[in-house]
Amino acid sequence: MKFDASKLKELNELDFEQIAIWPKEVKIVVTAFVAIVIGALSYYLLISPKLPILDKAEVKEQELKLQFEAKYRIAVNLEAYKDQLARIEEDFSSMLKSLPTSNETPGLLDDITYVGTTSGLNFKMLNWQQEIPKEFYTELPIEMEVSGRYHNFGEFVSKIADLPRIVTLHDFTIDNQSDQLRLQLQAKTYRTANDGTQGGEK
């Protein structure tokens, strides 16, 4: 059947109580119009308010996918991580053993004095300074002044490095003093932060 557009001129004369006898062309146009109106109302009243929720859900989906991928990589390498953690704990335990305890810090001055004198140095000053709390450890500085020859200083530094406890040397100052050299420096040792006792004796 052909679509007779001329029948659309009867739209203004139609009686809604006699829909059954409307021309076919008019029924098609009215049906299409009603469908468009219903579709538009459905979109704006039902679908449109849900779009932001859909966007959030899609973003959340991406975040969950990334979290899953990260956790999957960890799960796949779990044994390797456990081995690495065990090695780190072992190394950390070994390092803690190299830190002097509060009972050992006084004897550390004796050790430093011993390695200094056996290296041919004369001590002018050797004193504990105010300890410095850090996040995971406490820093125990020692101010010292010694005199001797240049190669004596090198031997002294080498022997300090060989001590069983961790001692680091900082802020070197070397001056000429008659026939010898004068060395001023700061040594630092460290105590674990959970040791609540005083580590330095003055």
N, C-alpha and C. Protein backbone atom coordinates (compact mmCIF):
# COMPACT_ATOMS: atom_id res chain seq x y z
N MET A 1 0.84 -1.20 0.00
CA MET A 1 0.00 0.00 0.00
C MET A 1 0.86 1.23 0.00
N LYS A 2 0.48 2.25 -0.78
CA LYS A 2 1.24 3.49 -0.85
C LYS A 2 0.83 4.40 0.28
N PHE A 3 1.85 5.20 0.73
CA PHE A 3 1.60 6.18 1.80
C PHE A 3 1.05 7.44 1.17
N ASP A 4 -0.18 7.80 1.52
CA ASP A 4 -0.84 8.97 0.94
C ASP A 4 -0.69 10.14 1.92
N ALA A 5 0.25 11.01 1.61
CA ALA A 5 0.54 12.14 2.50
C ALA A 5 -0.63 13.10 2.60
N SER A 6 -1.49 13.12 1.60
CA SER A 6 -2.60 14.06 1.63
C SER A 6 -3.55 13.75 2.78
N LYS A 7 -3.56 12.52 3.22
CA LYS A 7 -4.45 12.14 4.33
C LYS A 7 -4.06 12.85 5.63
N LEU A 8 -2.77 13.31 5.70
CA LEU A 8 -2.31 13.96 6.93
C LEU A 8 -3.01 15.29 7.16
N LYS A 9 -3.63 15.84 6.12
CA LYS A 9 -4.34 17.11 6.27
C LYS A 9 -5.56 16.95 7.18
N GLU A 10 -5.98 15.71 7.41
CA GLU A 10 -7.16 15.46 8.23
C GLU A 10 -6.83 15.41 9.73
N LEU A 11 -5.53 15.62 10.10
CA LEU A 11 -5.13 15.52 11.50
C LEU A 11 -5.94 16.45 12.40
N ASN A 12 -6.18 17.69 11.93
CA ASN A 12 -6.89 18.66 12.75
C ASN A 12 -8.38 18.34 12.91
N GLU A 13 -8.87 17.43 12.08
CA GLU A 13 -10.30 17.12 12.11
C GLU A 13 -10.59 15.76 12.75
N LEU A 14 -9.55 15.13 13.25
CA LEU A 14 -9.72 13.76 13.77
C LEU A 14 -10.42 13.76 15.12
N ASP A 15 -11.19 12.73 15.34
CA ASP A 15 -11.89 12.54 16.60
C ASP A 15 -11.20 11.38 17.34
N PHE A 16 -10.66 11.69 18.53
CA PHE A 16 -9.90 10.65 19.26
C PHE A 16 -10.80 9.51 19.75
N GLU A 17 -12.12 9.72 19.67
CA GLU A 17 -13.02 8.64 20.06
C GLU A 17 -13.27 7.67 18.91
N GLN A 18 -12.76 8.03 17.72
CA GLN A 18 -12.95 7.18 16.55
C GLN A 18 -11.60 6.80 15.93
N ILE A 19 -10.66 6.42 16.80
CA ILE A 19 -9.33 6.08 16.33
C ILE A 19 -9.36 4.92 15.35
N ALA A 20 -10.28 4.03 15.52
CA ALA A 20 -10.33 2.82 14.68
C ALA A 20 -10.54 3.14 13.21
N ILE A 21 -11.18 4.28 12.92
CA ILE A 21 -11.47 4.58 11.50
C ILE A 21 -10.54 5.65 10.95
N TRP A 22 -9.47 5.97 11.74
CA TRP A 22 -8.50 6.94 11.20
C TRP A 22 -7.82 6.36 9.97
N PRO A 23 -7.43 7.23 9.06
CA PRO A 23 -6.65 6.74 7.91
C PRO A 23 -5.33 6.12 8.38
N LYS A 24 -4.87 5.14 7.58
CA LYS A 24 -3.64 4.41 7.95
C LYS A 24 -2.46 5.37 8.09
N GLU A 25 -2.35 6.36 7.22
CA GLU A 25 -1.23 7.29 7.25
C GLU A 25 -1.21 8.09 8.55
N VAL A 26 -2.41 8.49 8.98
CA VAL A 26 -2.51 9.25 10.22
C VAL A 26 -2.10 8.39 11.41
N LYS A 27 -2.55 7.12 11.41
CA LYS A 27 -2.18 6.21 12.50
C LYS A 27 -0.66 6.05 12.60
N ILE A 28 -0.02 5.94 11.40
CA ILE A 28 1.45 5.76 11.40
C ILE A 28 2.14 6.97 12.00
N VAL A 29 1.70 8.17 11.57
CA VAL A 29 2.33 9.40 12.06
C VAL A 29 2.09 9.57 13.56
N VAL A 30 0.85 9.35 14.00
CA VAL A 30 0.54 9.50 15.43
C VAL A 30 1.31 8.47 16.25
N THR A 31 1.36 7.23 15.75
CA THR A 31 2.10 6.18 16.47
C THR A 31 3.58 6.54 16.58
N ALA A 32 4.18 7.04 15.47
CA ALA A 32 5.60 7.43 15.49
C ALA A 32 5.82 8.58 16.48
N PHE A 33 4.90 9.56 16.47
CA PHE A 33 5.03 10.70 17.38
C PHE A 33 4.95 10.25 18.84
N VAL A 34 3.97 9.38 19.13
CA VAL A 34 3.82 8.88 20.50
C VAL A 34 5.06 8.09 20.93
N ALA A 35 5.58 7.29 19.98
CA ALA A 35 6.78 6.49 20.30
C ALA A 35 7.96 7.41 20.60
N ILE A 36 8.10 8.49 19.81
CA ILE A 36 9.21 9.43 20.05
C ILE A 36 9.06 10.11 21.40
N VAL A 37 7.82 10.55 21.72
CA VAL A 37 7.57 11.21 23.00
C VAL A 37 7.86 10.27 24.16
N ILE A 38 7.39 9.02 24.04
CA ILE A 38 7.64 8.04 25.11
C ILE A 38 9.13 7.76 25.25
N GLY A 39 9.80 7.63 24.08
CA GLY A 39 11.26 7.39 24.12
C GLY A 39 12.01 8.53 24.78
N ALA A 40 11.61 9.79 24.42
CA ALA A 40 12.29 10.96 25.00
C ALA A 40 12.04 11.05 26.50
N LEU A 41 10.78 10.83 26.91
CA LEU A 41 10.45 10.87 28.33
C LEU A 41 11.18 9.76 29.10
N SER A 42 11.27 8.57 28.49
CA SER A 42 11.96 7.45 29.15
C SER A 42 13.44 7.78 29.35
N TYR A 43 14.04 8.41 28.31
CA TYR A 43 15.46 8.75 28.41
C TYR A 43 15.70 9.77 29.52
N TYR A 44 14.93 10.87 29.51
CA TYR A 44 15.16 11.95 30.47
C TYR A 44 14.70 11.61 31.89
N LEU A 45 13.66 10.78 32.02
CA LEU A 45 13.15 10.47 33.34
C LEU A 45 13.76 9.20 33.94
N LEU A 46 14.12 8.24 33.09
CA LEU A 46 14.59 6.95 33.61
C LEU A 46 16.09 6.73 33.36
N ILE A 47 16.54 6.99 32.13
CA ILE A 47 17.93 6.67 31.77
C ILE A 47 18.91 7.75 32.19
N SER A 48 18.57 9.01 31.86
CA SER A 48 19.51 10.11 32.12
C SER A 48 19.96 10.20 33.58
N PRO A 49 19.08 10.08 34.58
CA PRO A 49 19.54 10.15 35.98
C PRO A 49 20.51 9.01 36.35
N LYS A 50 20.44 7.89 35.59
CA LYS A 50 21.29 6.75 35.91
C LYS A 50 22.67 6.84 35.27
N LEU A 51 22.87 7.75 34.31
CA LEU A 51 24.14 7.83 33.60
C LEU A 51 25.33 8.16 34.52
N PRO A 52 25.19 9.15 35.45
CA PRO A 52 26.32 9.39 36.37
C PRO A 52 26.68 8.16 37.20
N ILE A 53 25.63 7.40 37.60
CA ILE A 53 25.88 6.18 38.36
C ILE A 53 26.65 5.17 37.50
N LEU A 54 26.28 5.11 36.22
CA LEU A 54 26.98 4.21 35.30
C LEU A 54 28.44 4.64 35.14
N ASP A 55 28.67 5.96 35.00
CA ASP A 55 30.04 6.46 34.86
C ASP A 55 30.88 6.10 36.09
N LYS A 56 30.29 6.30 37.28
CA LYS A 56 31.01 5.97 38.52
C LYS A 56 31.31 4.47 38.59
N ALA A 57 30.33 3.68 38.15
CA ALA A 57 30.52 2.22 38.17
C ALA A 57 31.64 1.80 37.23
N GLU A 58 31.73 2.47 36.07
CA GLU A 58 32.80 2.15 35.12
C GLU A 58 34.16 2.54 35.68
N VAL A 59 34.23 3.71 36.34
CA VAL A 59 35.49 4.12 36.96
C VAL A 59 35.88 3.14 38.06
N LYS A 60 34.89 2.75 38.87
CA LYS A 60 35.14 1.79 39.94
C LYS A 60 35.60 0.46 39.38
N GLU A 61 35.01 0.08 38.25
CA GLU A 61 35.41 -1.17 37.60
C GLU A 61 36.88 -1.14 37.20
N GLN A 62 37.33 0.00 36.64
CA GLN A 62 38.73 0.13 36.25
C GLN A 62 39.64 0.06 37.47
N GLU A 63 39.22 0.73 38.56
CA GLU A 63 40.03 0.69 39.79
C GLU A 63 40.14 -0.73 40.33
N LEU A 64 39.03 -1.45 40.31
CA LEU A 64 39.04 -2.83 40.81
C LEU A 64 39.89 -3.73 39.92
N LYS A 65 39.85 -3.47 38.61
CA LYS A 65 40.69 -4.25 37.70
C LYS A 65 42.17 -4.03 38.00
N LEU A 66 42.55 -2.75 38.24
CA LEU A 66 43.94 -2.44 38.56
C LEU A 66 44.35 -3.07 39.88
N GLN A 67 43.44 -3.01 40.88
CA GLN A 67 43.74 -3.64 42.17
C GLN A 67 43.89 -5.16 42.01
N PHE A 68 43.03 -5.73 41.20
CA PHE A 68 43.11 -7.17 40.98
C PHE A 68 44.43 -7.54 40.30
N GLU A 69 44.83 -6.74 39.29
CA GLU A 69 46.08 -7.02 38.60
C GLU A 69 47.27 -6.93 39.56
N ALA A 70 47.26 -5.89 40.42
CA ALA A 70 48.35 -5.72 41.38
C ALA A 70 48.39 -6.90 42.35
N LYS A 71 47.22 -7.28 42.88
CA LYS A 71 47.17 -8.40 43.83
C LYS A 71 47.52 -9.72 43.14
N TYR A 72 47.14 -9.83 41.87
CA TYR A 72 47.48 -11.05 41.13
C TYR A 72 48.98 -11.18 40.96
N ARG A 73 49.64 -10.04 40.63
CA ARG A 73 51.10 -10.08 40.49
C ARG A 73 51.77 -10.46 41.80
N ILE A 74 51.23 -9.92 42.91
CA ILE A 74 51.79 -10.27 44.23
C ILE A 74 51.57 -11.75 44.52
N ALA A 75 50.35 -12.24 44.22
CA ALA A 75 50.04 -13.65 44.49
C ALA A 75 50.92 -14.58 43.68
N VAL A 76 51.15 -14.21 42.41
CA VAL A 76 51.98 -15.05 41.55
C VAL A 76 53.41 -15.12 42.07
N ASN A 77 53.91 -13.97 42.61
CA ASN A 77 55.30 -13.90 43.09
C ASN A 77 55.39 -14.03 44.61
N LEU A 78 54.36 -14.63 45.23
CA LEU A 78 54.31 -14.68 46.68
C LEU A 78 55.53 -15.38 47.28
N GLU A 79 55.94 -16.49 46.71
CA GLU A 79 57.08 -17.22 47.25
C GLU A 79 58.36 -16.39 47.15
N ALA A 80 58.51 -15.69 46.02
CA ALA A 80 59.70 -14.83 45.86
C ALA A 80 59.68 -13.71 46.89
N TYR A 81 58.48 -13.13 47.13
CA TYR A 81 58.37 -12.06 48.14
C TYR A 81 58.69 -12.59 49.53
N LYS A 82 58.23 -13.81 49.82
CA LYS A 82 58.51 -14.39 51.14
C LYS A 82 60.02 -14.60 51.33
N ASP A 83 60.68 -15.10 50.27
CA ASP A 83 62.13 -15.30 50.34
C ASP A 83 62.84 -13.97 50.52
N GLN A 84 62.37 -12.95 49.79
CA GLN A 84 62.99 -11.63 49.89
C GLN A 84 62.78 -11.05 51.29
N LEU A 85 61.57 -11.22 51.83
CA LEU A 85 61.28 -10.73 53.18
C LEU A 85 62.16 -11.43 54.21
N ALA A 86 62.35 -12.74 54.04
CA ALA A 86 63.19 -13.48 54.97
C ALA A 86 64.63 -12.97 54.93
N ARG A 87 65.12 -12.68 53.72
CA ARG A 87 66.49 -12.14 53.59
C ARG A 87 66.60 -10.76 54.22
N ILE A 88 65.56 -9.92 54.01
CA ILE A 88 65.58 -8.58 54.60
C ILE A 88 65.57 -8.66 56.12
N GLU A 89 64.71 -9.55 56.67
CA GLU A 89 64.66 -9.70 58.12
C GLU A 89 65.99 -10.20 58.67
N GLU A 90 66.62 -11.11 57.93
CA GLU A 90 67.93 -11.63 58.36
C GLU A 90 68.98 -10.52 58.34
N ASP A 91 68.98 -9.71 57.23
CA ASP A 91 69.93 -8.62 57.14
C ASP A 91 69.68 -7.58 58.23
N PHE A 92 68.39 -7.30 58.49
CA PHE A 92 68.04 -6.31 59.50
C PHE A 92 68.47 -6.79 60.88
N SER A 93 68.24 -8.09 61.14
CA SER A 93 68.66 -8.65 62.42
C SER A 93 70.17 -8.57 62.58
N SER A 94 70.88 -8.82 61.49
CA SER A 94 72.35 -8.74 61.53
C SER A 94 72.80 -7.31 61.80
N MET A 95 72.11 -6.34 61.18
CA MET A 95 72.46 -4.94 61.40
C MET A 95 72.18 -4.52 62.84
N LEU A 96 71.05 -5.01 63.39
CA LEU A 96 70.72 -4.67 64.78
C LEU A 96 71.80 -5.18 65.73
N LYS A 97 72.35 -6.36 65.41
CA LYS A 97 73.40 -6.92 66.26
C LYS A 97 74.67 -6.07 66.20
N SER A 98 74.82 -5.30 65.11
CA SER A 98 76.00 -4.44 64.97
C SER A 98 75.83 -3.11 65.69
N LEU A 99 74.62 -2.84 66.18
CA LEU A 99 74.39 -1.61 66.93
C LEU A 99 74.69 -1.87 68.41
N PRO A 100 75.43 -0.98 69.05
CA PRO A 100 75.72 -1.20 70.48
C PRO A 100 74.47 -1.05 71.32
N THR A 101 74.36 -1.88 72.34
CA THR A 101 73.26 -1.74 73.29
C THR A 101 73.62 -0.64 74.29
N SER A 102 72.66 -0.29 75.13
CA SER A 102 72.91 0.76 76.12
C SER A 102 74.02 0.37 77.07
N ASN A 103 74.19 -0.96 77.29
CA ASN A 103 75.25 -1.41 78.19
C ASN A 103 76.63 -1.41 77.54
N GLU A 104 76.63 -1.44 76.20
CA GLU A 104 77.90 -1.52 75.49
C GLU A 104 78.48 -0.17 75.10
N THR A 105 77.64 0.88 75.06
CA THR A 105 78.13 2.18 74.60
C THR A 105 79.27 2.74 75.43
N PRO A 106 79.30 2.59 76.77
CA PRO A 106 80.47 3.10 77.50
C PRO A 106 81.77 2.41 77.06
N GLY A 107 81.71 1.10 76.81
CA GLY A 107 82.90 0.37 76.38
C GLY A 107 83.34 0.75 74.99
N LEU A 108 82.43 1.36 74.21
CA LEU A 108 82.79 1.76 72.86
C LEU A 108 83.86 2.85 72.88
N LEU A 109 83.81 3.74 73.87
CA LEU A 109 84.85 4.76 74.00
C LEU A 109 86.21 4.11 74.24
N ASP A 110 86.21 3.04 75.03
CA ASP A 110 87.46 2.33 75.28
C ASP A 110 88.00 1.72 73.99
N ASP A 111 87.09 1.17 73.18
CA ASP A 111 87.51 0.57 71.91
C ASP A 111 88.11 1.63 70.99
N ILE A 112 87.44 2.79 70.92
CA ILE A 112 87.93 3.87 70.06
C ILE A 112 89.28 4.37 70.56
N THR A 113 89.40 4.53 71.87
CA THR A 113 90.68 4.95 72.44
C THR A 113 91.78 3.94 72.12
N TYR A 114 91.44 2.66 72.21
CA TYR A 114 92.44 1.61 71.97
C TYR A 114 92.92 1.64 70.51
N VAL A 115 91.96 1.69 69.56
CA VAL A 115 92.39 1.68 68.15
C VAL A 115 93.12 2.97 67.81
N GLY A 116 92.81 4.07 68.50
CA GLY A 116 93.52 5.31 68.25
C GLY A 116 94.95 5.27 68.74
N THR A 117 95.14 4.81 69.96
CA THR A 117 96.49 4.76 70.53
C THR A 117 97.35 3.72 69.82
N THR A 118 96.77 2.57 69.44
CA THR A 118 97.55 1.57 68.70
C THR A 118 97.87 2.03 67.28
N SER A 119 97.15 3.06 66.81
CA SER A 119 97.46 3.63 65.49
C SER A 119 98.49 4.75 65.60
N GLY A 120 98.92 5.05 66.84
CA GLY A 120 99.93 6.07 67.03
C GLY A 120 99.38 7.47 67.23
N LEU A 121 98.12 7.58 67.62
CA LEU A 121 97.50 8.89 67.82
C LEU A 121 97.46 9.23 69.31
N ASN A 122 97.46 10.54 69.59
CA ASN A 122 97.30 11.04 70.96
C ASN A 122 95.93 11.72 71.05
N PHE A 123 95.15 11.31 72.04
CA PHE A 123 93.81 11.88 72.19
C PHE A 123 93.87 13.16 73.03
N LYS A 124 93.28 14.23 72.46
CA LYS A 124 93.13 15.48 73.18
C LYS A 124 91.73 15.60 73.79
N MET A 125 90.75 14.98 73.09
CA MET A 125 89.36 15.05 73.55
C MET A 125 88.60 13.86 73.02
N LEU A 126 87.73 13.30 73.85
CA LEU A 126 86.87 12.20 73.44
C LEU A 126 85.64 12.23 74.35
N ASN A 127 84.54 12.78 73.87
CA ASN A 127 83.35 12.99 74.71
C ASN A 127 82.07 12.61 73.97
N TRP A 128 81.15 12.01 74.72
CA TRP A 128 79.80 11.80 74.20
C TRP A 128 79.10 13.15 74.07
N GLN A 129 78.32 13.31 73.00
CA GLN A 129 77.48 14.50 72.82
C GLN A 129 76.02 14.12 73.03
N GLN A 130 75.15 15.11 72.96
CA GLN A 130 73.71 14.87 73.17
C GLN A 130 73.19 13.91 72.11
N GLU A 131 72.51 12.86 72.54
CA GLU A 131 71.98 11.89 71.58
C GLU A 131 70.84 12.51 70.77
N ILE A 132 70.65 12.01 69.56
CA ILE A 132 69.67 12.57 68.63
C ILE A 132 68.66 11.48 68.25
N PRO A 133 67.43 11.56 68.75
CA PRO A 133 66.43 10.53 68.40
C PRO A 133 66.00 10.67 66.94
N LYS A 134 65.94 9.54 66.25
CA LYS A 134 65.41 9.47 64.89
C LYS A 134 64.17 8.57 64.91
N GLU A 135 63.61 8.33 63.72
CA GLU A 135 62.36 7.56 63.67
C GLU A 135 62.56 6.11 64.10
N PHE A 136 63.62 5.46 63.61
CA PHE A 136 63.82 4.05 63.89
C PHE A 136 65.06 3.78 64.75
N TYR A 137 65.81 4.80 65.05
CA TYR A 137 67.03 4.60 65.83
C TYR A 137 67.39 5.88 66.55
N THR A 138 68.36 5.78 67.44
CA THR A 138 68.87 6.96 68.15
C THR A 138 70.34 7.14 67.77
N GLU A 139 70.68 8.34 67.39
CA GLU A 139 72.05 8.66 66.97
C GLU A 139 72.85 9.11 68.19
N LEU A 140 74.04 8.53 68.37
CA LEU A 140 74.89 8.85 69.52
C LEU A 140 76.20 9.44 69.01
N PRO A 141 76.33 10.78 68.99
CA PRO A 141 77.53 11.41 68.46
C PRO A 141 78.66 11.45 69.51
N ILE A 142 79.88 11.36 69.03
CA ILE A 142 81.06 11.44 69.87
C ILE A 142 82.00 12.47 69.24
N GLU A 143 82.32 13.51 69.99
CA GLU A 143 83.29 14.50 69.51
C GLU A 143 84.68 14.04 69.92
N MET A 144 85.62 14.13 68.99
CA MET A 144 86.98 13.74 69.34
C MET A 144 88.00 14.63 68.63
N GLU A 145 89.16 14.75 69.31
CA GLU A 145 90.28 15.49 68.75
C GLU A 145 91.54 14.68 69.04
N VAL A 146 92.29 14.38 68.00
CA VAL A 146 93.51 13.59 68.14
C VAL A 146 94.63 14.27 67.36
N SER A 147 95.87 13.90 67.72
CA SER A 147 97.02 14.41 66.99
C SER A 147 97.91 13.25 66.58
N GLY A 148 98.59 13.42 65.49
CA GLY A 148 99.47 12.37 64.99
C GLY A 148 99.88 12.69 63.57
N ARG A 149 100.40 11.70 62.89
CA ARG A 149 100.82 11.89 61.51
C ARG A 149 99.73 11.41 60.56
N TYR A 150 99.88 11.80 59.30
CA TYR A 150 98.83 11.54 58.33
C TYR A 150 98.54 10.05 58.20
N HIS A 151 99.59 9.21 58.11
CA HIS A 151 99.36 7.78 57.95
C HIS A 151 98.73 7.17 59.21
N ASN A 152 98.96 7.82 60.39
CA ASN A 152 98.30 7.35 61.62
C ASN A 152 96.79 7.55 61.52
N PHE A 153 96.39 8.67 60.90
CA PHE A 153 94.96 8.91 60.73
C PHE A 153 94.33 7.84 59.83
N GLY A 154 95.03 7.50 58.77
CA GLY A 154 94.50 6.47 57.86
C GLY A 154 94.36 5.13 58.55
N GLU A 155 95.34 4.75 59.36
CA GLU A 155 95.27 3.49 60.09
C GLU A 155 94.12 3.51 61.10
N PHE A 156 93.94 4.65 61.76
CA PHE A 156 92.87 4.80 62.74
C PHE A 156 91.50 4.62 62.09
N VAL A 157 91.28 5.28 60.96
CA VAL A 157 89.99 5.17 60.26
C VAL A 157 89.74 3.73 59.82
N SER A 158 90.79 3.05 59.35
CA SER A 158 90.66 1.65 58.93
C SER A 158 90.27 0.75 60.10
N LYS A 159 90.87 0.97 61.26
CA LYS A 159 90.56 0.15 62.43
C LYS A 159 89.15 0.45 62.97
N ILE A 160 88.71 1.71 62.88
CA ILE A 160 87.34 2.05 63.27
C ILE A 160 86.34 1.27 62.43
N ALA A 161 86.62 1.16 61.13
CA ALA A 161 85.72 0.43 60.23
C ALA A 161 85.67 -1.05 60.57
N ASP A 162 86.73 -1.58 61.20
CA ASP A 162 86.77 -3.00 61.54
C ASP A 162 86.15 -3.32 62.89
N LEU A 163 85.69 -2.30 63.62
CA LEU A 163 85.07 -2.56 64.93
C LEU A 163 83.81 -3.41 64.74
N PRO A 164 83.49 -4.27 65.72
CA PRO A 164 82.30 -5.13 65.58
C PRO A 164 80.99 -4.34 65.64
N ARG A 165 81.02 -3.13 66.17
CA ARG A 165 79.82 -2.29 66.22
C ARG A 165 79.92 -1.17 65.19
N ILE A 166 78.75 -0.74 64.71
CA ILE A 166 78.72 0.28 63.67
C ILE A 166 79.15 1.62 64.24
N VAL A 167 80.22 2.20 63.65
CA VAL A 167 80.67 3.54 64.01
C VAL A 167 81.00 4.26 62.70
N THR A 168 80.41 5.43 62.48
CA THR A 168 80.70 6.21 61.28
C THR A 168 81.43 7.50 61.68
N LEU A 169 82.24 8.01 60.77
CA LEU A 169 83.05 9.20 61.04
C LEU A 169 82.60 10.34 60.14
N HIS A 170 82.52 11.56 60.72
CA HIS A 170 81.98 12.71 59.99
C HIS A 170 82.76 13.98 60.33
N ASP A 171 82.61 14.99 59.47
CA ASP A 171 83.09 16.37 59.73
C ASP A 171 84.57 16.41 60.11
N PHE A 172 85.42 15.93 59.21
CA PHE A 172 86.86 15.94 59.44
C PHE A 172 87.42 17.35 59.31
N THR A 173 88.30 17.69 60.22
CA THR A 173 89.07 18.94 60.11
C THR A 173 90.51 18.63 60.50
N ILE A 174 91.47 18.89 59.59
CA ILE A 174 92.88 18.61 59.86
C ILE A 174 93.66 19.93 59.82
N ASP A 175 94.44 20.17 60.89
CA ASP A 175 95.26 21.38 60.98
C ASP A 175 96.71 20.98 61.28
N ASN A 176 97.62 21.85 60.82
CA ASN A 176 99.03 21.67 61.18
C ASN A 176 99.24 22.14 62.62
N GLN A 177 100.01 21.37 63.37
CA GLN A 177 100.30 21.74 64.76
C GLN A 177 101.75 21.33 65.04
N SER A 178 102.65 22.29 64.97
CA SER A 178 104.10 22.05 65.10
C SER A 178 104.53 20.93 64.16
N ASP A 179 105.06 19.83 64.68
CA ASP A 179 105.55 18.76 63.82
C ASP A 179 104.51 17.67 63.60
N GLN A 180 103.29 17.88 64.08
CA GLN A 180 102.22 16.91 63.90
C GLN A 180 100.98 17.56 63.31
N LEU A 181 100.03 16.70 62.98
CA LEU A 181 98.73 17.17 62.49
C LEU A 181 97.69 16.97 63.58
N ARG A 182 96.72 17.89 63.60
CA ARG A 182 95.62 17.78 64.57
C ARG A 182 94.34 17.47 63.80
N LEU A 183 93.65 16.40 64.22
CA LEU A 183 92.43 15.96 63.55
C LEU A 183 91.26 16.12 64.49
N GLN A 184 90.27 16.89 64.05
CA GLN A 184 89.00 17.01 64.78
C GLN A 184 87.92 16.35 63.94
N LEU A 185 87.09 15.54 64.56
CA LEU A 185 86.04 14.87 63.82
C LEU A 185 84.92 14.47 64.77
N GLN A 186 83.83 14.05 64.18
CA GLN A 186 82.70 13.54 64.96
C GLN A 186 82.45 12.10 64.54
N ALA A 187 82.45 11.21 65.52
CA ALA A 187 82.07 9.82 65.28
C ALA A 187 80.61 9.64 65.70
N LYS A 188 79.93 8.75 65.03
CA LYS A 188 78.53 8.48 65.38
C LYS A 188 78.32 6.98 65.47
N THR A 189 77.67 6.56 66.53
CA THR A 189 77.18 5.20 66.61
C THR A 189 75.67 5.28 66.80
N TYR A 190 75.00 4.16 66.79
CA TYR A 190 73.54 4.18 66.72
C TYR A 190 72.97 3.12 67.65
N ARG A 191 71.81 3.43 68.21
CA ARG A 191 71.11 2.52 69.09
C ARG A 191 69.67 2.41 68.60
N THR A 192 69.10 1.21 68.69
CA THR A 192 67.74 1.04 68.21
C THR A 192 66.78 1.91 69.01
N ALA A 193 65.74 2.40 68.33
CA ALA A 193 64.82 3.35 68.96
C ALA A 193 64.01 2.71 70.08
N ASN A 194 63.81 1.39 70.03
CA ASN A 194 62.99 0.76 71.09
C ASN A 194 63.78 0.47 72.36
N ASP A 195 65.07 0.83 72.35
CA ASP A 195 65.86 0.71 73.58
C ASP A 195 65.61 1.96 74.40
N GLY A 196 64.83 1.86 75.43
CA GLY A 196 64.41 3.05 76.17
C GLY A 196 65.45 3.57 77.13
N THR A 197 66.56 2.86 77.33
CA THR A 197 67.57 3.32 78.27
C THR A 197 68.49 4.33 77.62
N GLN A 198 69.20 5.07 78.40
CA GLN A 198 70.12 6.05 77.88
C GLN A 198 71.34 5.35 77.31
N GLY A 199 71.67 5.71 76.05
CA GLY A 199 72.79 5.04 75.40
C GLY A 199 74.09 5.76 75.57
N GLY A 200 74.10 7.03 75.87
CA GLY A 200 75.34 7.76 75.93
C GLY A 200 75.66 8.19 77.31
N GLU A 201 76.89 8.03 77.74
CA GLU A 201 77.34 8.53 79.04
C GLU A 201 78.32 9.63 78.79
N LYS A 202 78.20 10.67 79.50
CA LYS A 202 79.05 11.82 79.27
C LYS A 202 80.16 11.83 80.30
